[in-house]
Amino acid sequence: MDFGEWDYNFKIEPFLEEGKRVLRDDGSIIVWTSEQLYGEYRKWFAKNMYPKQLLIWVKTNPLPQFRLVGYRQATELMFWALKKKNTKNNKNFLFQSQKEMTNVFYAPIVGGKERTKHPTQKPLSITKEIIKRHCRKNGIVLDPFMGSGTVAVACKELDRNYIGIELNPDYVKIAEERLKAVDNNLNI
């Protein structure tokens, strides 16, 4: 499946450099990545930050593989890195239990009322879990590729602040509608 040029010819350095620049010293970067770009992120983080680990979304309802020529794509990857070396004193290390500390997240592909027209929409449930573990209440989350606004919606629901950047006006409109629904306490 090909969801766009960002899986192949995307230049990671400019947004990572700027992300690191604006990141608090005790902050994290978590990047959703394709298999094609995972190694590039790993190299950049190893050279410029403190790479922590791979995070994996296991899709509990992966799409079928009708042609029977390969495996069903049942996972998506994220990479977690820190600006400074992590310690137990890090105010943003918010794990409460061993159960939360697994690097694997299970959730279905987004469907129902949550589904938007964005082709690579991520589940709100996973997004909320990641934000709860890496950003304390009233903290700020930067999403430089806002898409349909899942990170912004999660932040609003979790009492976190957010900065979202999106170039596609269709996706901006979707994100605005989703945020308005949160403001109106509607089911999204």
Protein backbone atom coordinates (compact mmCIF):
# COMPACT_ATOMS: atom_id res chain seq x y z
CA MET A 1 0.00 0.00 0.00
CA ASP A 2 1.32 3.40 -0.94
CA PHE A 3 -0.04 6.34 1.04
CA GLY A 4 2.17 9.05 -0.41
CA GLU A 5 5.59 10.44 -1.11
CA TRP A 6 6.28 10.93 2.60
CA ASP A 7 7.04 7.22 2.85
CA TYR A 8 9.91 7.46 0.35
CA ASN A 9 11.30 10.90 -0.44
CA PHE A 10 10.61 12.70 2.80
CA LYS A 11 13.53 14.72 4.22
CA ILE A 12 13.49 14.05 7.95
CA GLU A 13 16.27 16.41 9.04
CA PRO A 14 14.54 19.83 8.85
CA PHE A 15 11.57 18.92 11.03
CA LEU A 16 13.70 16.89 13.48
CA GLU A 17 16.22 19.70 13.88
CA GLU A 18 13.45 22.22 14.52
CA GLY A 19 11.63 19.77 16.80
CA LYS A 20 14.75 19.28 18.87
CA ARG A 21 15.35 23.05 19.01
CA VAL A 22 11.91 23.80 20.49
CA LEU A 23 11.78 20.70 22.72
CA ARG A 24 12.20 21.15 26.46
CA ASP A 25 15.30 19.52 27.91
CA ASP A 26 13.13 16.83 29.54
CA GLY A 27 11.00 16.31 26.43
CA SER A 28 10.45 13.42 24.04
CA ILE A 29 9.93 13.09 20.33
CA ILE A 30 7.72 10.29 19.12
CA VAL A 31 7.59 9.85 15.37
CA TRP A 32 5.24 7.63 13.40
CA THR A 33 7.42 6.12 10.70
CA SER A 34 7.20 3.84 7.74
CA GLU A 35 9.44 0.81 7.49
CA GLN A 36 11.24 2.62 4.66
CA LEU A 37 12.27 5.55 6.90
CA TYR A 38 12.79 3.79 10.25
CA GLY A 39 16.55 3.42 9.74
CA GLU A 40 16.92 7.09 8.83
CA TYR A 41 15.19 8.16 12.04
CA ARG A 42 17.29 5.76 14.10
CA LYS A 43 20.53 7.13 12.63
CA TRP A 44 19.49 10.76 13.13
CA PHE A 45 18.40 10.19 16.73
CA ALA A 46 21.60 8.25 17.52
CA LYS A 47 23.68 11.17 16.25
CA ASN A 48 21.64 14.09 17.61
CA MET A 49 19.53 12.95 20.59
CA TYR A 50 19.04 9.97 22.89
CA PRO A 51 17.19 7.21 21.06
CA LYS A 52 14.99 5.18 23.38
CA GLN A 53 13.06 2.52 21.53
CA LEU A 54 10.71 1.34 18.87
CA LEU A 55 6.99 1.49 19.68
CA ILE A 56 4.57 -0.71 17.78
CA TRP A 57 0.87 -0.43 17.03
CA VAL A 58 -0.62 -3.88 16.50
CA LYS A 59 -3.80 -3.56 14.47
CA THR A 60 -6.38 -5.88 15.93
CA ASN A 61 -8.27 -5.80 12.61
CA PRO A 62 -5.65 -5.59 9.83
CA LEU A 63 -6.78 -5.16 6.24
CA PRO A 64 -7.10 -8.35 4.20
CA GLN A 65 -4.39 -9.38 1.74
CA PHE A 66 -6.63 -10.39 -1.17
CA ARG A 67 -3.86 -11.16 -3.67
CA LEU A 68 -2.24 -13.64 -1.25
CA VAL A 69 1.27 -12.48 -2.17
CA GLY A 70 2.49 -11.23 1.21
CA TYR A 71 1.69 -10.80 4.86
CA ARG A 72 -1.18 -8.65 6.05
CA GLN A 73 0.17 -5.31 7.31
CA ALA A 74 -0.82 -5.66 10.96
CA THR A 75 1.62 -3.19 12.54
CA GLU A 76 2.74 0.41 12.34
CA LEU A 77 5.93 1.78 13.84
CA MET A 78 6.83 4.72 16.05
CA PHE A 79 10.23 5.74 17.33
CA TRP A 80 10.79 7.39 20.73
CA ALA A 81 13.79 9.61 21.43
CA LEU A 82 14.73 12.10 24.15
CA LYS A 83 16.47 15.45 24.00
CA LYS A 84 18.56 14.64 27.10
CA LYS A 85 19.42 11.35 28.75
CA ASN A 86 16.45 9.96 30.66
CA THR A 87 16.42 9.52 34.43
CA LYS A 88 13.75 8.62 36.98
CA ASN A 89 13.69 12.33 37.87
CA ASN A 90 12.34 13.26 34.44
CA LYS A 91 8.99 14.99 35.10
CA ASN A 92 7.73 13.68 31.76
CA PHE A 93 8.41 10.01 32.54
CA LEU A 94 4.82 9.35 33.54
CA PHE A 95 4.50 5.58 33.71
CA GLN A 96 2.35 4.40 36.60
CA SER A 97 2.68 0.62 36.29
CA GLN A 98 4.58 -2.16 34.54
CA LYS A 99 1.52 -2.80 32.36
CA GLU A 100 1.84 0.71 30.88
CA MET A 101 5.52 0.25 30.16
CA THR A 102 5.12 -2.13 27.23
CA ASN A 103 6.21 -0.79 23.85
CA VAL A 104 3.29 -2.51 22.09
CA PHE A 105 -0.13 -0.90 21.69
CA TYR A 106 -3.18 -2.87 20.54
CA ALA A 107 -6.07 -1.14 18.79
CA PRO A 108 -8.23 -1.58 15.72
CA ILE A 109 -7.82 0.45 12.56
CA VAL A 110 -9.86 3.61 13.04
CA GLY A 111 -13.49 3.16 12.06
CA GLY A 112 -17.01 4.26 12.90
CA LYS A 113 -17.64 7.83 14.08
CA GLU A 114 -13.92 8.37 14.73
CA ARG A 115 -12.97 7.71 11.08
CA THR A 116 -12.16 10.69 8.84
CA LYS A 117 -11.06 10.93 5.21
CA HIS A 118 -7.38 11.04 6.16
CA PRO A 119 -5.69 7.94 4.68
CA THR A 120 -3.28 7.29 7.56
CA GLN A 121 -5.38 8.32 10.55
CA LYS A 122 -4.10 6.98 13.87
CA PRO A 123 -6.36 5.72 16.69
CA LEU A 124 -7.33 8.22 19.35
CA SER A 125 -6.91 5.50 22.01
CA ILE A 126 -3.21 4.98 21.23
CA THR A 127 -2.57 8.69 20.82
CA LYS A 128 -4.06 9.38 24.25
CA GLU A 129 -1.98 6.65 25.91
CA ILE A 130 1.23 8.03 24.41
CA ILE A 131 0.41 11.61 25.42
CA LYS A 132 -0.50 10.54 28.97
CA ARG A 133 2.89 8.82 29.31
CA HIS A 134 5.02 11.59 27.84
CA CYS A 135 3.36 14.93 28.64
CA ARG A 136 2.07 16.03 32.01
CA LYS A 137 -1.20 17.97 32.37
CA ASN A 138 -1.01 21.49 30.96
CA GLY A 139 2.13 20.53 29.01
CA ILE A 140 2.48 21.24 25.29
CA VAL A 141 2.50 18.74 22.44
CA LEU A 142 3.76 19.80 19.00
CA ASP A 143 2.30 17.93 16.02
CA PRO A 144 4.08 19.18 12.87
CA PHE A 145 1.98 16.88 10.64
CA MET A 146 -1.47 17.35 12.18
CA GLY A 147 -3.49 15.50 9.55
CA SER A 148 -7.05 15.08 10.78
CA GLY A 149 -6.21 16.38 14.26
CA THR A 150 -6.03 13.21 16.36
CA VAL A 151 -3.21 14.58 18.54
CA ALA A 152 -5.08 17.87 19.06
CA VAL A 153 -8.28 16.03 20.02
CA ALA A 154 -6.36 13.81 22.46
CA CYS A 155 -4.66 16.85 24.01
CA LYS A 156 -7.96 18.67 24.50
CA GLU A 157 -9.51 15.62 26.12
CA LEU A 158 -6.48 15.13 28.40
CA ASP A 159 -5.95 18.77 29.48
CA ARG A 160 -2.78 19.23 27.46
CA ASN A 161 -1.98 22.13 25.17
CA TYR A 162 -1.06 21.53 21.55
CA ILE A 163 0.40 23.19 18.52
CA GLY A 164 -0.69 21.63 15.26
CA ILE A 165 0.71 22.31 11.80
CA GLU A 166 -0.95 21.05 8.62
CA LEU A 167 -0.53 22.18 5.01
CA ASN A 168 -3.52 20.42 3.46
CA PRO A 169 -6.62 22.65 3.80
CA ASP A 170 -8.97 19.64 3.60
CA TYR A 171 -7.30 18.06 6.62
CA VAL A 172 -7.28 21.38 8.50
CA LYS A 173 -11.05 21.57 8.03
CA ILE A 174 -11.47 18.00 9.33
CA ALA A 175 -9.31 18.80 12.37
CA GLU A 176 -11.27 21.98 13.08
CA GLU A 177 -14.56 20.05 12.96
CA ARG A 178 -13.22 17.37 15.30
CA LEU A 179 -11.97 19.98 17.77
CA LYS A 180 -15.31 21.79 17.65
CA ALA A 181 -17.00 18.48 18.50
CA VAL A 182 -14.73 18.10 21.54
CA ASP A 183 -15.60 21.66 22.60
CA ASN A 184 -19.30 20.83 22.27
CA ASN A 185 -18.84 17.55 24.18
CA LEU A 186 -20.08 15.59 21.20
CA ASN A 187 -19.19 11.99 20.48
CA ILE A 188 -16.48 11.83 17.83
